[in-house]
Amino acid sequence: MEEQFFVKFIHCYFIAFGVIIGGAIIGSIGSFATGDAPLTAMGRIAKSLRIWAIVAAIGGTFDTIAEFEKGLDGQAIDIFKQLLIILSAMGGVKSAILLISWFIQEDVT
């Protein structure tokens, strides 16, 4: 049971990381094709993808809400695990934004 949690924790981090990195890089190709500045577009796209990366990493908001509801009935550890999963996804987003800001030499936030 605990092993599944750590696997999900790591998966959520890297899914959120991948959504930001992949979305920003692939999205900037469209800007390059239209003659806009691709690096500036990378920063703008990464900033707009933040919440979607978290939602994609945790598997949709309804599953998390259902886990919170189940946790309120008795098991407080389930709520704590879901909070850690969300924090893991947020960490993946933050580290991807940091990596992109290093790459484009701009402040993305």
PDB file of N, CA and C in Angstrom:
ATOM      1  N   MET A   1       0.822  -1.195   0.000  1.00  0.00           N
ATOM      2  CA  MET A   1       0.000   0.000   0.000  1.00  0.00           C
ATOM      3  C   MET A   1       0.867   1.261   0.000  1.00  0.00           C
ATOM      4  N   GLU A   2       1.872   1.294   0.847  1.00  0.00           N
ATOM      5  CA  GLU A   2       2.742   2.460   0.911  1.00  0.00           C
ATOM      6  C   GLU A   2       3.579   2.599  -0.359  1.00  0.00           C
ATOM      7  N   GLU A   3       3.933   1.466  -0.962  1.00  0.00           N
ATOM      8  CA  GLU A   3       4.731   1.525  -2.181  1.00  0.00           C
ATOM      9  C   GLU A   3       3.943   2.196  -3.302  1.00  0.00           C
ATOM     10  N   GLN A   4       2.638   1.961  -3.379  1.00  0.00           N
ATOM     11  CA  GLN A   4       1.810   2.606  -4.383  1.00  0.00           C
ATOM     12  C   GLN A   4       1.793   4.115  -4.194  1.00  0.00           C
ATOM     13  N   PHE A   5       1.788   4.565  -2.959  1.00  0.00           N
ATOM     14  CA  PHE A   5       1.772   5.998  -2.705  1.00  0.00           C
ATOM     15  C   PHE A   5       3.045   6.648  -3.219  1.00  0.00           C
ATOM     16  N   PHE A   6       4.198   6.061  -2.937  1.00  0.00           N
ATOM     17  CA  PHE A   6       5.453   6.659  -3.382  1.00  0.00           C
ATOM     18  C   PHE A   6       5.578   6.634  -4.900  1.00  0.00           C
ATOM     19  N   VAL A   7       5.071   5.588  -5.521  1.00  0.00           N
ATOM     20  CA  VAL A   7       5.075   5.525  -6.988  1.00  0.00           C
ATOM     21  C   VAL A   7       4.202   6.642  -7.550  1.00  0.00           C
ATOM     22  N   LYS A   8       3.020   6.824  -6.988  1.00  0.00           N
ATOM     23  CA  LYS A   8       2.119   7.880  -7.446  1.00  0.00           C
ATOM     24  C   LYS A   8       2.709   9.258  -7.175  1.00  0.00           C
ATOM     25  N   PHE A   9       3.378   9.404  -6.038  1.00  0.00           N
ATOM     26  CA  PHE A   9       4.022  10.666  -5.683  1.00  0.00           C
ATOM     27  C   PHE A   9       5.057  11.063  -6.731  1.00  0.00           C
ATOM     28  N   ILE A  10       5.898  10.119  -7.120  1.00  0.00           N
ATOM     29  CA  ILE A  10       6.941  10.386  -8.117  1.00  0.00           C
ATOM     30  C   ILE A  10       6.328  10.598  -9.495  1.00  0.00           C
ATOM     31  N   HIS A  11       5.322   9.797  -9.838  1.00  0.00           N
ATOM     32  CA  HIS A  11       4.674   9.956 -11.131  1.00  0.00           C
ATOM     33  C   HIS A  11       4.032  11.331 -11.265  1.00  0.00           C
ATOM     34  N   CYS A  12       3.384  11.796 -10.231  1.00  0.00           N
ATOM     35  CA  CYS A  12       2.734  13.109 -10.284  1.00  0.00           C
ATOM     36  C   CYS A  12       3.742  14.221 -10.498  1.00  0.00           C
ATOM     37  N   TYR A  13       4.879  14.120  -9.854  1.00  0.00           N
ATOM     38  CA  TYR A  13       5.927  15.124 -10.042  1.00  0.00           C
ATOM     39  C   TYR A  13       6.362  15.185 -11.499  1.00  0.00           C
ATOM     40  N   PHE A  14       6.676  14.035 -12.063  1.00  0.00           N
ATOM     41  CA  PHE A  14       7.214  14.030 -13.415  1.00  0.00           C
ATOM     42  C   PHE A  14       6.157  14.252 -14.488  1.00  0.00           C
ATOM     43  N   ILE A  15       4.912  13.906 -14.230  1.00  0.00           N
ATOM     44  CA  ILE A  15       3.852  14.223 -15.181  1.00  0.00           C
ATOM     45  C   ILE A  15       3.670  15.733 -15.269  1.00  0.00           C
ATOM     46  N   ALA A  16       3.608  16.401 -14.127  1.00  0.00           N
ATOM     47  CA  ALA A  16       3.478  17.860 -14.129  1.00  0.00           C
ATOM     48  C   ALA A  16       4.698  18.512 -14.777  1.00  0.00           C
ATOM     49  N   PHE A  17       5.869  18.004 -14.478  1.00  0.00           N
ATOM     50  CA  PHE A  17       7.104  18.510 -15.081  1.00  0.00           C
ATOM     51  C   PHE A  17       7.053  18.356 -16.598  1.00  0.00           C
ATOM     52  N   GLY A  18       6.631  17.194 -17.064  1.00  0.00           N
ATOM     53  CA  GLY A  18       6.581  16.924 -18.495  1.00  0.00           C
ATOM     54  C   GLY A  18       5.538  17.739 -19.231  1.00  0.00           C
ATOM     55  N   VAL A  19       4.409  17.988 -18.595  1.00  0.00           N
ATOM     56  CA  VAL A  19       3.375  18.805 -19.236  1.00  0.00           C
ATOM     57  C   VAL A  19       3.898  20.219 -19.468  1.00  0.00           C
ATOM     58  N   ILE A  20       4.572  20.771 -18.499  1.00  0.00           N
ATOM     59  CA  ILE A  20       5.098  22.132 -18.652  1.00  0.00           C
ATOM     60  C   ILE A  20       6.213  22.178 -19.693  1.00  0.00           C
ATOM     61  N   ILE A  21       7.188  21.299 -19.568  1.00  0.00           N
ATOM     62  CA  ILE A  21       8.329  21.311 -20.500  1.00  0.00           C
ATOM     63  C   ILE A  21       7.861  20.993 -21.918  1.00  0.00           C
ATOM     64  N   GLY A  22       7.102  19.930 -22.066  1.00  0.00           N
ATOM     65  CA  GLY A  22       6.645  19.536 -23.394  1.00  0.00           C
ATOM     66  C   GLY A  22       5.721  20.559 -24.015  1.00  0.00           C
ATOM     67  N   GLY A  23       4.779  21.056 -23.235  1.00  0.00           N
ATOM     68  CA  GLY A  23       3.850  22.051 -23.760  1.00  0.00           C
ATOM     69  C   GLY A  23       4.541  23.338 -24.167  1.00  0.00           C
ATOM     70  N   ALA A  24       5.501  23.767 -23.380  1.00  0.00           N
ATOM     71  CA  ALA A  24       6.210  25.010 -23.703  1.00  0.00           C
ATOM     72  C   ALA A  24       7.079  24.851 -24.941  1.00  0.00           C
ATOM     73  N   ILE A  25       7.768  23.728 -25.050  1.00  0.00           N
ATOM     74  CA  ILE A  25       8.647  23.526 -26.203  1.00  0.00           C
ATOM     75  C   ILE A  25       7.835  23.334 -27.479  1.00  0.00           C
ATOM     76  N   ILE A  26       6.850  22.452 -27.431  1.00  0.00           N
ATOM     77  CA  ILE A  26       6.044  22.203 -28.622  1.00  0.00           C
ATOM     78  C   ILE A  26       5.210  23.442 -28.976  1.00  0.00           C
ATOM     79  N   GLY A  27       4.702  24.129 -27.987  1.00  0.00           N
ATOM     80  CA  GLY A  27       3.933  25.343 -28.245  1.00  0.00           C
ATOM     81  C   GLY A  27       4.764  26.448 -28.858  1.00  0.00           C
ATOM     82  N   SER A  28       6.030  26.515 -28.498  1.00  0.00           N
ATOM     83  CA  SER A  28       6.880  27.565 -29.064  1.00  0.00           C
ATOM     84  C   SER A  28       7.224  27.298 -30.524  1.00  0.00           C
ATOM     85  N   ILE A  29       7.068  26.067 -30.973  1.00  0.00           N
ATOM     86  CA  ILE A  29       7.297  25.771 -32.391  1.00  0.00           C
ATOM     87  C   ILE A  29       6.277  26.528 -33.249  1.00  0.00           C
ATOM     88  N   GLY A  30       5.041  26.625 -32.755  1.00  0.00           N
ATOM     89  CA  GLY A  30       4.031  27.396 -33.469  1.00  0.00           C
ATOM     90  C   GLY A  30       4.393  28.862 -33.566  1.00  0.00           C
ATOM     91  N   SER A  31       4.969  29.404 -32.524  1.00  0.00           N
ATOM     92  CA  SER A  31       5.409  30.796 -32.564  1.00  0.00           C
ATOM     93  C   SER A  31       6.553  30.983 -33.541  1.00  0.00           C
ATOM     94  N   PHE A  32       7.453  30.036 -33.584  1.00  0.00           N
ATOM     95  CA  PHE A  32       8.557  30.092 -34.540  1.00  0.00           C
ATOM     96  C   PHE A  32       8.028  30.038 -35.971  1.00  0.00           C
ATOM     97  N   ALA A  33       7.039  29.177 -36.202  1.00  0.00           N
ATOM     98  CA  ALA A  33       6.482  29.026 -37.546  1.00  0.00           C
ATOM     99  C   ALA A  33       5.745  30.280 -38.014  1.00  0.00           C
ATOM    100  N   THR A  34       5.184  31.024 -37.083  1.00  0.00           N
ATOM    101  CA  THR A  34       4.463  32.242 -37.456  1.00  0.00           C
ATOM    102  C   THR A  34       5.334  33.491 -37.411  1.00  0.00           C
ATOM    103  N   GLY A  35       6.586  33.346 -37.055  1.00  0.00           N
ATOM    104  CA  GLY A  35       7.505  34.482 -37.060  1.00  0.00           C
ATOM    105  C   GLY A  35       7.590  35.223 -35.744  1.00  0.00           C
ATOM    106  N   ASP A  36       6.969  34.734 -34.707  1.00  0.00           N
ATOM    107  CA  ASP A  36       7.069  35.361 -33.387  1.00  0.00           C
ATOM    108  C   ASP A  36       8.317  34.859 -32.664  1.00  0.00           C
ATOM    109  N   ALA A  37       8.599  35.463 -31.521  1.00  0.00           N
ATOM    110  CA  ALA A  37       9.762  35.068 -30.728  1.00  0.00           C
ATOM    111  C   ALA A  37       9.447  33.777 -29.962  1.00  0.00           C
ATOM    112  N   PRO A  38      10.125  32.660 -30.282  1.00  0.00           N
ATOM    113  CA  PRO A  38       9.783  31.397 -29.630  1.00  0.00           C
ATOM    114  C   PRO A  38      10.147  31.334 -28.155  1.00  0.00           C
ATOM    115  N   LEU A  39      11.225  31.973 -27.751  1.00  0.00           N
ATOM    116  CA  LEU A  39      11.607  31.911 -26.346  1.00  0.00           C
ATOM    117  C   LEU A  39      10.654  32.704 -25.467  1.00  0.00           C
ATOM    118  N   THR A  40      10.185  33.827 -25.950  1.00  0.00           N
ATOM    119  CA  THR A  40       9.184  34.585 -25.207  1.00  0.00           C
ATOM    120  C   THR A  40       7.880  33.802 -25.120  1.00  0.00           C
ATOM    121  N   ALA A  41       7.542  33.131 -26.209  1.00  0.00           N
ATOM    122  CA  ALA A  41       6.329  32.305 -26.214  1.00  0.00           C
ATOM    123  C   ALA A  41       6.464  31.141 -25.243  1.00  0.00           C
ATOM    124  N   MET A  42       7.662  30.586 -25.107  1.00  0.00           N
ATOM    125  CA  MET A  42       7.883  29.497 -24.142  1.00  0.00           C
ATOM    126  C   MET A  42       7.520  29.936 -22.736  1.00  0.00           C
ATOM    127  N   GLY A  43       7.975  31.105 -22.351  1.00  0.00           N
ATOM    128  CA  GLY A  43       7.664  31.617 -21.020  1.00  0.00           C
ATOM    129  C   GLY A  43       6.186  31.863 -20.824  1.00  0.00           C
ATOM    130  N   ARG A  44       5.544  32.439 -21.840  1.00  0.00           N
ATOM    131  CA  ARG A  44       4.114  32.720 -21.756  1.00  0.00           C
ATOM    132  C   ARG A  44       3.301  31.431 -21.692  1.00  0.00           C
ATOM    133  N   ILE A  45       3.665  30.452 -22.506  1.00  0.00           N
ATOM    134  CA  ILE A  45       2.943  29.174 -22.524  1.00  0.00           C
ATOM    135  C   ILE A  45       3.142  28.427 -21.211  1.00  0.00           C
ATOM    136  N   ALA A  46       4.368  28.404 -20.707  1.00  0.00           N
ATOM    137  CA  ALA A  46       4.643  27.711 -19.444  1.00  0.00           C
ATOM    138  C   ALA A  46       3.835  28.325 -18.312  1.00  0.00           C
ATOM    139  N   LYS A  47       3.721  29.633 -18.315  1.00  0.00           N
ATOM    140  CA  LYS A  47       2.951  30.309 -17.267  1.00  0.00           C
ATOM    141  C   LYS A  47       1.472  29.956 -17.351  1.00  0.00           C
ATOM    142  N   SER A  48       0.946  29.840 -18.569  1.00  0.00           N
ATOM    143  CA  SER A  48      -0.482  29.552 -18.711  1.00  0.00           C
ATOM    144  C   SER A  48      -0.811  28.075 -18.514  1.00  0.00           C
ATOM    145  N   LEU A  49       0.173  27.201 -18.571  1.00  0.00           N
ATOM    146  CA  LEU A  49      -0.066  25.764 -18.404  1.00  0.00           C
ATOM    147  C   LEU A  49       0.033  25.284 -16.965  1.00  0.00           C
ATOM    148  N   ARG A  50       0.372  26.153 -16.037  1.00  0.00           N
ATOM    149  CA  ARG A  50       0.639  25.716 -14.663  1.00  0.00           C
ATOM    150  C   ARG A  50      -0.507  24.933 -14.039  1.00  0.00           C
ATOM    151  N   ILE A  51      -1.703  25.475 -14.042  1.00  0.00           N
ATOM    152  CA  ILE A  51      -2.818  24.799 -13.365  1.00  0.00           C
ATOM    153  C   ILE A  51      -3.201  23.525 -14.105  1.00  0.00           C
ATOM    154  N   TRP A  52      -3.074  23.536 -15.435  1.00  0.00           N
ATOM    155  CA  TRP A  52      -3.434  22.349 -16.212  1.00  0.00           C
ATOM    156  C   TRP A  52      -2.452  21.213 -15.977  1.00  0.00           C
ATOM    157  N   ALA A  53      -1.219  21.537 -15.730  1.00  0.00           N
ATOM    158  CA  ALA A  53      -0.229  20.503 -15.426  1.00  0.00           C
ATOM    159  C   ALA A  53      -0.532  19.840 -14.091  1.00  0.00           C
ATOM    160  N   ILE A  54      -0.956  20.622 -13.114  1.00  0.00           N
ATOM    161  CA  ILE A  54      -1.303  20.063 -11.806  1.00  0.00           C
ATOM    162  C   ILE A  54      -2.532  19.170 -11.926  1.00  0.00           C
ATOM    163  N   VAL A  55      -3.540  19.638 -12.665  1.00  0.00           N
ATOM    164  CA  VAL A  55      -4.761  18.839 -12.841  1.00  0.00           C
ATOM    165  C   VAL A  55      -4.452  17.551 -13.587  1.00  0.00           C
ATOM    166  N   ALA A  56      -3.616  17.625 -14.613  1.00  0.00           N
ATOM    167  CA  ALA A  56      -3.254  16.419 -15.360  1.00  0.00           C
ATOM    168  C   ALA A  56      -2.465  15.449 -14.488  1.00  0.00           C
ATOM    169  N   ALA A  57      -1.608  15.966 -13.644  1.00  0.00           N
ATOM    170  CA  ALA A  57      -0.775  15.096 -12.818  1.00  0.00           C
ATOM    171  C   ALA A  57      -1.581  14.372 -11.744  1.00  0.00           C
ATOM    172  N   ILE A  58      -2.554  15.040 -11.154  1.00  0.00           N
ATOM    173  CA  ILE A  58      -3.315  14.373 -10.096  1.00  0.00           C
ATOM    174  C   ILE A  58      -4.455  13.554 -10.654  1.00  0.00           C
ATOM    175  N   GLY A  59      -4.640  13.558 -11.959  1.00  0.00           N
ATOM    176  CA  GLY A  59      -5.644  12.704 -12.577  1.00  0.00           C
ATOM    177  C   GLY A  59      -7.028  13.292 -12.581  1.00  0.00           C
ATOM    178  N   GLY A  60      -7.140  14.579 -12.517  1.00  0.00           N
ATOM    179  CA  GLY A  60      -8.449  15.221 -12.504  1.00  0.00           C
ATOM    180  C   GLY A  60      -8.843  15.585 -11.089  1.00  0.00           C
ATOM    181  N   THR A  61      -9.625  16.609 -10.966  1.00  0.00           N
ATOM    182  CA  THR A  61      -9.952  17.112  -9.640  1.00  0.00           C
ATOM    183  C   THR A  61     -11.010  16.275  -8.935  1.00  0.00           C
ATOM    184  N   PHE A  62     -11.837  15.552  -9.666  1.00  0.00           N
ATOM    185  CA  PHE A  62     -12.909  14.807  -9.028  1.00  0.00           C
ATOM    186  C   PHE A  62     -12.379  13.639  -8.202  1.00  0.00           C
ATOM    187  N   ASP A  63     -11.319  12.982  -8.657  1.00  0.00           N
ATOM    188  CA  ASP A  63     -10.731  11.901  -7.872  1.00  0.00           C
ATOM    189  C   ASP A  63     -10.177  12.416  -6.552  1.00  0.00           C
ATOM    190  N   THR A  64      -9.524  13.542  -6.597  1.00  0.00           N
ATOM    191  CA  THR A  64      -8.952  14.111  -5.383  1.00  0.00           C
ATOM    192  C   THR A  64     -10.046  14.537  -4.412  1.00  0.00           C
ATOM    193  N   ILE A  65     -11.111  15.131  -4.940  1.00  0.00           N
ATOM    194  CA  ILE A  65     -12.217  15.534  -4.070  1.00  0.00           C
ATOM    195  C   ILE A  65     -12.868  14.309  -3.439  1.00  0.00           C
ATOM    196  N   ALA A  66     -12.993  13.240  -4.204  1.00  0.00           N
ATOM    197  CA  ALA A  66     -13.562  12.005  -3.655  1.00  0.00           C
ATOM    198  C   ALA A  66     -12.678  11.444  -2.550  1.00  0.00           C
ATOM    199  N   GLU A  67     -11.362  11.529  -2.709  1.00  0.00           N
ATOM    200  CA  GLU A  67     -10.443  11.069  -1.670  1.00  0.00           C
ATOM    201  C   GLU A  67     -10.553  11.944  -0.421  1.00  0.00           C
ATOM    202  N   PHE A  68     -10.714  13.252  -0.602  1.00  0.00           N
ATOM    203  CA  PHE A  68     -10.912  14.131   0.548  1.00  0.00           C
ATOM    204  C   PHE A  68     -12.191  13.764   1.292  1.00  0.00           C
ATOM    205  N   GLU A  69     -13.253  13.495   0.542  1.00  0.00           N
ATOM    206  CA  GLU A  69     -14.523  13.131   1.165  1.00  0.00           C
ATOM    207  C   GLU A  69     -14.404  11.820   1.925  1.00  0.00           C
ATOM    208  N   LYS A  70     -13.687  10.869   1.348  1.00  0.00           N
ATOM    209  CA  LYS A  70     -13.484   9.590   2.017  1.00  0.00           C
ATOM    210  C   LYS A  70     -12.635   9.772   3.267  1.00  0.00           C
ATOM    211  N   GLY A  71     -11.667  10.677   3.200  1.00  0.00           N
ATOM    212  CA  GLY A  71     -10.806  10.932   4.347  1.00  0.00           C
ATOM    213  C   GLY A  71     -11.529  11.605   5.492  1.00  0.00           C
ATOM    214  N   LEU A  72     -12.525  12.415   5.182  1.00  0.00           N
ATOM    215  CA  LEU A  72     -13.278  13.091   6.235  1.00  0.00           C
ATOM    216  C   LEU A  72     -14.136  12.123   7.035  1.00  0.00           C
ATOM    217  N   ASP A  73     -14.439  10.960   6.473  1.00  0.00           N
ATOM    218  CA  ASP A  73     -15.250   9.979   7.181  1.00  0.00           C
ATOM    219  C   ASP A  73     -14.474   9.230   8.250  1.00  0.00           C
ATOM    220  N   GLY A  74     -13.155   9.263   8.227  1.00  0.00           N
ATOM    221  CA  GLY A  74     -12.453   8.547   9.278  1.00  0.00           C
ATOM    222  C   GLY A  74     -10.932   8.571   9.170  1.00  0.00           C
ATOM    223  N   GLN A  75     -10.389   8.381   7.996  1.00  0.00           N
ATOM    224  CA  GLN A  75      -8.950   8.267   7.822  1.00  0.00           C
ATOM    225  C   GLN A  75      -8.330   9.621   7.480  1.00  0.00           C
ATOM    226  N   ALA A  76      -7.661  10.213   8.422  1.00  0.00           N
ATOM    227  CA  ALA A  76      -7.003  11.492   8.184  1.00  0.00           C
ATOM    228  C   ALA A  76      -5.753  11.308   7.335  1.00  0.00           C
ATOM    229  N   ILE A  77      -5.190  10.110   7.318  1.00  0.00           N
ATOM    230  CA  ILE A  77      -3.983   9.860   6.527  1.00  0.00           C
ATOM    231  C   ILE A  77      -4.263   9.980   5.039  1.00  0.00           C
ATOM    232  N   ASP A  78      -5.504   9.674   4.608  1.00  0.00           N
ATOM    233  CA  ASP A  78      -5.848   9.795   3.197  1.00  0.00           C
ATOM    234  C   ASP A  78      -5.836  11.253   2.741  1.00  0.00           C
ATOM    235  N   ILE A  79      -6.290  12.143   3.595  1.00  0.00           N
ATOM    236  CA  ILE A  79      -6.239  13.573   3.270  1.00  0.00           C
ATOM    237  C   ILE A  79      -4.799  14.037   3.182  1.00  0.00           C
ATOM    238  N   PHE A  80      -3.973  13.602   4.108  1.00  0.00           N
ATOM    239  CA  PHE A  80      -2.560  13.974   4.105  1.00  0.00           C
ATOM    240  C   PHE A  80      -1.863  13.461   2.853  1.00  0.00           C
ATOM    241  N   LYS A  81      -2.175  12.235   2.428  1.00  0.00           N
ATOM    242  CA  LYS A  81      -1.576  11.680   1.212  1.00  0.00           C
ATOM    243  C   LYS A  81      -1.987  12.473  -0.017  1.00  0.00           C
ATOM    244  N   GLN A  82      -3.255  12.862  -0.098  1.00  0.00           N
ATOM    245  CA  GLN A  82      -3.710  13.646  -1.248  1.00  0.00           C
ATOM    246  C   GLN A  82      -3.048  15.025  -1.275  1.00  0.00           C
ATOM    247  N   LEU A  83      -2.853  15.620  -0.113  1.00  0.00           N
ATOM    248  CA  LEU A  83      -2.143  16.901  -0.064  1.00  0.00           C
ATOM    249  C   LEU A  83      -0.701  16.748  -0.532  1.00  0.00           C
ATOM    250  N   LEU A  84      -0.060  15.641  -0.159  1.00  0.00           N
ATOM    251  CA  LEU A  84       1.307  15.404  -0.619  1.00  0.00           C
ATOM    252  C   LEU A  84       1.366  15.174  -2.125  1.00  0.00           C
ATOM    253  N   ILE A  85       0.357  14.502  -2.675  1.00  0.00           N
ATOM    254  CA  ILE A  85       0.302  14.290  -4.117  1.00  0.00           C
ATOM    255  C   ILE A  85       0.168  15.626  -4.844  1.00  0.00           C
ATOM    256  N   ILE A  86      -0.691  16.505  -4.332  1.00  0.00           N
ATOM    257  CA  ILE A  86      -0.863  17.827  -4.939  1.00  0.00           C
ATOM    258  C   ILE A  86       0.419  18.640  -4.815  1.00  0.00           C
ATOM    259  N   LEU A  87       1.081  18.561  -3.673  1.00  0.00           N
ATOM    260  CA  LEU A  87       2.356  19.273  -3.494  1.00  0.00           C
ATOM    261  C   LEU A  87       3.437  18.729  -4.419  1.00  0.00           C
ATOM    262  N   SER A  88       3.405  17.432  -4.682  1.00  0.00           N
ATOM    263  CA  SER A  88       4.351  16.843  -5.606  1.00  0.00           C
ATOM    264  C   SER A  88       4.148  17.395  -7.016  1.00  0.00           C
ATOM    265  N   ALA A  89       2.895  17.495  -7.435  1.00  0.00           N
ATOM    266  CA  ALA A  89       2.593  18.060  -8.746  1.00  0.00           C
ATOM    267  C   ALA A  89       3.003  19.530  -8.814  1.00  0.00           C
ATOM    268  N   MET A  90       2.768  20.256  -7.739  1.00  0.00           N
ATOM    269  CA  MET A  90       3.173  21.662  -7.705  1.00  0.00           C
ATOM    270  C   MET A  90       4.692  21.804  -7.759  1.00  0.00           C
ATOM    271  N   GLY A  91       5.400  20.873  -7.124  1.00  0.00           N
ATOM    272  CA  GLY A  91       6.854  20.887  -7.197  1.00  0.00           C
ATOM    273  C   GLY A  91       7.360  20.613  -8.605  1.00  0.00           C
ATOM    274  N   GLY A  92       6.698  19.707  -9.312  1.00  0.00           N
ATOM    275  CA  GLY A  92       7.067  19.446 -10.700  1.00  0.00           C
ATOM    276  C   GLY A  92       6.859  20.657 -11.581  1.00  0.00           C
ATOM    277  N   VAL A  93       5.757  21.364 -11.359  1.00  0.00           N
ATOM    278  CA  VAL A  93       5.484  22.583 -12.123  1.00  0.00           C
ATOM    279  C   VAL A  93       6.530  23.646 -11.812  1.00  0.00           C
ATOM    280  N   LYS A  94       6.824  23.826 -10.542  1.00  0.00           N
ATOM    281  CA  LYS A  94       7.780  24.872 -10.144  1.00  0.00           C
ATOM    282  C   LYS A  94       9.180  24.594 -10.695  1.00  0.00           C
ATOM    283  N   SER A  95       9.605  23.333 -10.639  1.00  0.00           N
ATOM    284  CA  SER A  95      10.948  23.030 -11.152  1.00  0.00           C
ATOM    285  C   SER A  95      11.000  23.138 -12.673  1.00  0.00           C
ATOM    286  N   ALA A  96       9.920  22.818 -13.374  1.00  0.00           N
ATOM    287  CA  ALA A  96       9.897  22.977 -14.825  1.00  0.00           C
ATOM    288  C   ALA A  96       9.921  24.453 -15.211  1.00  0.00           C
ATOM    289  N   ILE A  97       9.179  25.278 -14.485  1.00  0.00           N
ATOM    290  CA  ILE A  97       9.176  26.720 -14.757  1.00  0.00           C
ATOM    291  C   ILE A  97      10.568  27.300 -14.481  1.00  0.00           C
ATOM    292  N   LEU A  98      11.205  26.822 -13.424  1.00  0.00           N
ATOM    293  CA  LEU A  98      12.560  27.282 -13.111  1.00  0.00           C
ATOM    294  C   LEU A  98      13.536  26.892 -14.218  1.00  0.00           C
ATOM    295  N   LEU A  99      13.425  25.677 -14.711  1.00  0.00           N
ATOM    296  CA  LEU A  99      14.297  25.223 -15.796  1.00  0.00           C
ATOM    297  C   LEU A  99      14.064  26.039 -17.070  1.00  0.00           C
ATOM    298  N   ILE A 100      12.807  26.324 -17.382  1.00  0.00           N
ATOM    299  CA  ILE A 100      12.507  27.133 -18.569  1.00  0.00           C
ATOM    300  C   ILE A 100      13.014  28.555 -18.397  1.00  0.00           C
ATOM    301  N   SER A 101      12.860  29.115 -17.209  1.00  0.00           N
ATOM    302  CA  SER A 101      13.356  30.482 -16.994  1.00  0.00           C
ATOM    303  C   SER A 101      14.877  30.544 -17.096  1.00  0.00           C
ATOM    304  N   TRP A 102      15.572  29.491 -16.678  1.00  0.00           N
ATOM    305  CA  TRP A 102      17.021  29.434 -16.878  1.00  0.00           C
ATOM    306  C   TRP A 102      17.359  29.348 -18.361  1.00  0.00           C
ATOM    307  N   PHE A 103      16.564  28.592 -19.085  1.00  0.00           N
ATOM    308  CA  PHE A 103      16.832  28.395 -20.505  1.00  0.00           C
ATOM    309  C   PHE A 103      16.587  29.662 -21.315  1.00  0.00           C
ATOM    310  N   ILE A 104      15.491  30.352 -21.050  1.00  0.00           N
ATOM    311  CA  ILE A 104      15.155  31.533 -21.845  1.00  0.00           C
ATOM    312  C   ILE A 104      15.719  32.830 -21.270  1.00  0.00           C
ATOM    313  N   GLN A 105      16.320  32.744 -20.096  1.00  0.00           N
ATOM    314  CA  GLN A 105      16.937  33.899 -19.441  1.00  0.00           C
ATOM    315  C   GLN A 105      15.938  35.029 -19.185  1.00  0.00           C
ATOM    316  N   GLU A 106      14.699  34.655 -18.850  1.00  0.00           N
ATOM    317  CA  GLU A 106      13.659  35.603 -18.482  1.00  0.00           C
ATOM    318  C   GLU A 106      13.002  35.135 -17.208  1.00  0.00           C
ATOM    319  N   ASP A 107      12.295  36.024 -16.556  1.00  0.00           N
ATOM    320  CA  ASP A 107      11.524  35.660 -15.382  1.00  0.00           C
ATOM    321  C   ASP A 107      10.137  35.246 -15.832  1.00  0.00           C
ATOM    322  N   VAL A 108       9.769  33.970 -15.620  1.00  0.00           N
ATOM    323  CA  VAL A 108       8.497  33.446 -16.096  1.00  0.00           C
ATOM    324  C   VAL A 108       7.365  33.795 -15.155  1.00  0.00           C
ATOM    325  N   THR A 109       7.628  33.866 -13.881  1.00  0.00           N
ATOM    326  CA  THR A 109       6.551  34.076 -12.910  1.00  0.00           C
ATOM    327  C   THR A 109       5.929  35.368 -13.067  1.00  0.00           C
TER     328      THR A 109
END
